[in-house]
Amino acid sequence: MNDALFTLFRSDIAKLDSLTQRNLFFSFRELVFRNLYFILNDWSLTEDAVQESFIKAMKKGPRIQYDSNIKAWLKQVARNTAYDMIRKNKKYCHVSDFDTVMTNDENEPHAVELTDEYVEKMLRNEALTEALNELQHEFRVVLVLRYMEEMSYKEISNEVGISEQTAAKRVERAKKKLTNIFISKWGD
């Protein structure tokens, strides 16, 4: 992805030609889609969140500071949009009522199995989040920057104020610590 393309968010996107707007949208979609899908766990809802967050970024982009990290700002706008969609629309909440969870009629032969898998996935994610929160701040920060924000070791070193080699070592140590904490919570 071309970082220079994202700097166009600081200008009036409506005045750009349609091809540039299209390229900008697809680059934006590629940047945020995976994170939004992780939050929403629904393909069509994620597509809606991408479009809505793109519109918000278009409107608010010209007001952001020139020295700010535009990609991080775009990801934050997208995440906030996804969270807003969840808050506003309770029907998108992942938790089903008890009767729906226990349904296993002929029309839905795998409803209980899918729900069991879903519940296990949710419990595992919850345990992973708890394990991440138990890490020291310095380790938690580098893991989030590396794997959620998808920053390189060079970008992490600039963000945190450490050398690139130290950033790489800190990420490795953080992964080992996170693994140990997670295994103690979840088991093998």
Protein backbone atom coordinates (compact mmCIF):
# COMPACT_ATOMS: atom_id res chain seq x y z
CA MET A 1 0.00 0.00 0.00
CA ASN A 2 1.19 3.45 -0.86
CA ASP A 3 1.32 5.64 2.26
CA ALA A 4 1.23 8.77 0.11
CA LEU A 5 -2.23 7.77 -1.05
CA PHE A 6 -3.55 7.94 2.52
CA THR A 7 -2.33 11.52 2.87
CA LEU A 8 -5.15 12.40 0.45
CA PHE A 9 -7.52 12.06 3.42
CA ARG A 10 -6.15 15.39 4.60
CA SER A 11 -7.59 17.04 1.48
CA ASP A 12 -11.14 17.38 0.15
CA ILE A 13 -11.70 13.90 -1.32
CA ALA A 14 -14.92 14.95 -3.06
CA LYS A 15 -12.84 17.13 -5.39
CA LEU A 16 -10.62 14.24 -6.49
CA ASP A 17 -11.24 12.37 -9.73
CA SER A 18 -13.31 9.18 -9.50
CA LEU A 19 -10.38 6.83 -10.21
CA THR A 20 -8.35 8.31 -7.36
CA GLN A 21 -11.36 8.13 -5.05
CA ARG A 22 -11.86 4.49 -5.99
CA ASN A 23 -8.19 3.63 -5.38
CA LEU A 24 -8.30 5.46 -2.07
CA PHE A 25 -11.40 3.55 -0.96
CA PHE A 26 -9.96 0.15 -1.86
CA SER A 27 -6.67 0.97 -0.13
CA PHE A 28 -8.63 2.08 2.93
CA ARG A 29 -10.73 -1.11 2.80
CA GLU A 30 -7.59 -3.24 2.65
CA LEU A 31 -6.15 -1.35 5.62
CA VAL A 32 -9.13 -1.75 7.97
CA PHE A 33 -11.22 -4.72 6.84
CA ARG A 34 -9.43 -7.45 8.81
CA ASN A 35 -9.57 -5.52 12.09
CA LEU A 36 -13.24 -4.67 11.60
CA TYR A 37 -14.12 -8.25 10.75
CA PHE A 38 -12.36 -9.37 13.93
CA ILE A 39 -14.56 -6.99 15.92
CA LEU A 40 -17.87 -7.58 14.13
CA ASN A 41 -17.53 -11.21 13.04
CA ASP A 42 -19.99 -10.61 10.17
CA TRP A 43 -18.99 -10.04 6.54
CA SER A 44 -21.83 -7.78 5.43
CA LEU A 45 -21.77 -5.76 8.64
CA THR A 46 -18.02 -5.31 8.19
CA GLU A 47 -18.60 -4.01 4.65
CA ASP A 48 -21.11 -1.51 6.04
CA ALA A 49 -18.64 -0.43 8.73
CA VAL A 50 -15.90 0.06 6.10
CA GLN A 51 -18.16 2.31 4.03
CA GLU A 52 -19.40 4.29 7.01
CA SER A 53 -15.91 4.78 8.43
CA PHE A 54 -14.62 5.83 4.98
CA ILE A 55 -17.27 8.55 4.85
CA LYS A 56 -16.35 9.71 8.38
CA ALA A 57 -12.66 9.79 7.43
CA MET A 58 -13.49 11.81 4.30
CA LYS A 59 -15.37 14.39 6.33
CA LYS A 60 -12.95 14.68 9.25
CA GLY A 61 -9.67 14.04 7.44
CA PRO A 62 -8.93 17.64 6.43
CA ARG A 63 -9.04 18.66 10.11
CA ILE A 64 -6.36 16.27 11.42
CA GLN A 65 -2.85 17.45 12.13
CA TYR A 66 -0.20 16.95 9.47
CA ASP A 67 2.28 15.39 11.87
CA SER A 68 -0.14 12.67 13.01
CA ASN A 69 0.07 9.05 11.82
CA ILE A 70 -2.67 8.94 9.19
CA LYS A 71 -2.89 5.13 9.01
CA ALA A 72 -3.28 4.79 12.77
CA TRP A 73 -5.92 7.52 12.73
CA LEU A 74 -7.84 5.75 9.93
CA LYS A 75 -7.76 2.45 11.84
CA GLN A 76 -9.04 4.21 14.96
CA VAL A 77 -11.90 5.83 13.03
CA ALA A 78 -12.84 2.41 11.63
CA ARG A 79 -12.70 0.71 15.06
CA ASN A 80 -14.83 3.42 16.64
CA THR A 81 -17.35 3.08 13.82
CA ALA A 82 -17.58 -0.67 14.43
CA TYR A 83 -18.06 -0.15 18.16
CA ASP A 84 -20.74 2.46 17.47
CA MET A 85 -22.55 0.01 15.19
CA ILE A 86 -22.53 -2.63 17.91
CA ARG A 87 -23.81 -0.18 20.53
CA LYS A 88 -26.57 1.20 18.31
CA ASN A 89 -27.75 -2.13 16.96
CA LYS A 90 -28.24 -4.68 19.69
CA LYS A 91 -29.28 -7.25 17.09
CA TYR A 92 -25.63 -7.50 16.01
CA CYS A 93 -24.56 -8.54 19.48
CA HIS A 94 -22.83 -11.94 19.31
CA VAL A 95 -24.61 -13.44 22.32
CA SER A 96 -27.83 -15.28 21.50
CA ASP A 97 -30.63 -15.94 23.92
CA PHE A 98 -30.69 -19.30 25.68
CA ASP A 99 -33.53 -20.77 23.57
CA THR A 100 -31.70 -20.02 20.33
CA VAL A 101 -28.51 -21.59 21.64
CA MET A 102 -30.27 -24.79 22.60
CA THR A 103 -32.23 -25.12 19.33
CA ASN A 104 -31.41 -28.30 17.46
CA ASP A 105 -34.33 -29.03 15.16
CA GLU A 106 -34.27 -30.74 11.78
CA ASN A 107 -33.86 -27.44 9.92
CA GLU A 108 -30.74 -26.59 11.91
CA PRO A 109 -28.94 -29.87 12.55
CA HIS A 110 -25.64 -28.23 13.52
CA ALA A 111 -26.94 -25.37 15.65
CA VAL A 112 -25.64 -26.77 18.94
CA GLU A 113 -22.26 -27.77 17.49
CA LEU A 114 -21.76 -24.34 15.93
CA THR A 115 -22.76 -22.67 19.14
CA ASP A 116 -20.36 -24.86 21.14
CA GLU A 117 -17.55 -23.88 18.78
CA TYR A 118 -18.55 -20.25 19.00
CA VAL A 119 -18.70 -20.28 22.79
CA GLU A 120 -15.31 -21.99 22.98
CA LYS A 121 -13.85 -19.41 20.61
CA MET A 122 -15.30 -16.57 22.68
CA LEU A 123 -13.97 -18.07 25.92
CA ARG A 124 -10.54 -18.56 24.35
CA ASN A 125 -10.52 -14.96 23.11
CA GLU A 126 -11.57 -13.77 26.55
CA ALA A 127 -8.74 -15.75 28.16
CA LEU A 128 -6.30 -14.32 25.62
CA THR A 129 -7.49 -10.79 26.34
CA GLU A 130 -7.10 -11.38 30.09
CA ALA A 131 -3.61 -12.75 29.50
CA LEU A 132 -2.73 -9.73 27.38
CA ASN A 133 -3.98 -7.39 30.11
CA GLU A 134 -1.79 -9.15 32.68
CA LEU A 135 1.36 -8.36 30.71
CA GLN A 136 3.54 -5.45 31.71
CA HIS A 137 2.65 -2.28 29.83
CA GLU A 138 5.85 -2.30 27.75
CA PHE A 139 5.12 -5.81 26.46
CA ARG A 140 1.43 -5.20 25.86
CA VAL A 141 2.16 -2.07 23.81
CA VAL A 142 4.62 -3.75 21.44
CA LEU A 143 2.29 -6.70 20.85
CA VAL A 144 -0.63 -4.45 20.01
CA LEU A 145 1.51 -2.33 17.70
CA ARG A 146 3.01 -5.38 15.98
CA TYR A 147 -0.04 -7.60 15.54
CA MET A 148 -3.10 -5.35 15.77
CA GLU A 149 -1.68 -2.22 14.15
CA GLU A 150 0.61 -4.32 11.90
CA MET A 151 3.60 -2.03 12.40
CA SER A 152 7.12 -3.01 11.39
CA TYR A 153 9.87 -3.19 13.99
CA LYS A 154 11.20 0.11 12.65
CA GLU A 155 7.80 1.80 13.12
CA ILE A 156 7.51 0.32 16.61
CA SER A 157 10.98 1.59 17.51
CA ASN A 158 10.03 5.10 16.37
CA GLU A 159 6.69 4.98 18.20
CA VAL A 160 8.06 3.67 21.51
CA GLY A 161 11.47 5.35 21.39
CA ILE A 162 13.69 2.26 21.41
CA SER A 163 16.07 0.75 18.88
CA GLU A 164 14.76 -1.53 16.15
CA GLN A 165 16.69 -4.50 17.59
CA THR A 166 15.25 -3.85 21.05
CA ALA A 167 11.76 -3.67 19.56
CA ALA A 168 12.21 -7.08 17.92
CA LYS A 169 13.54 -8.63 21.14
CA ARG A 170 10.76 -7.08 23.20
CA VAL A 171 8.11 -8.48 20.84
CA GLU A 172 9.64 -11.96 21.12
CA ARG A 173 9.79 -11.75 24.92
CA ALA A 174 6.23 -10.46 25.03
CA LYS A 175 5.01 -13.37 22.88
CA LYS A 176 6.69 -15.88 25.22
CA LYS A 177 5.23 -14.24 28.32
CA LEU A 178 1.79 -14.04 26.72
CA THR A 179 1.98 -17.70 25.73
CA ASN A 180 2.87 -18.75 29.28
CA ILE A 181 0.08 -16.70 30.83
CA PHE A 182 -2.44 -17.91 28.25
CA ILE A 183 -1.50 -21.58 28.74
CA SER A 184 -1.89 -21.21 32.50
CA LYS A 185 -5.42 -19.87 31.90
CA TRP A 186 -6.53 -22.05 28.99
CA GLY A 187 -4.36 -25.17 29.24
CA ASP A 188 -2.54 -26.94 26.44
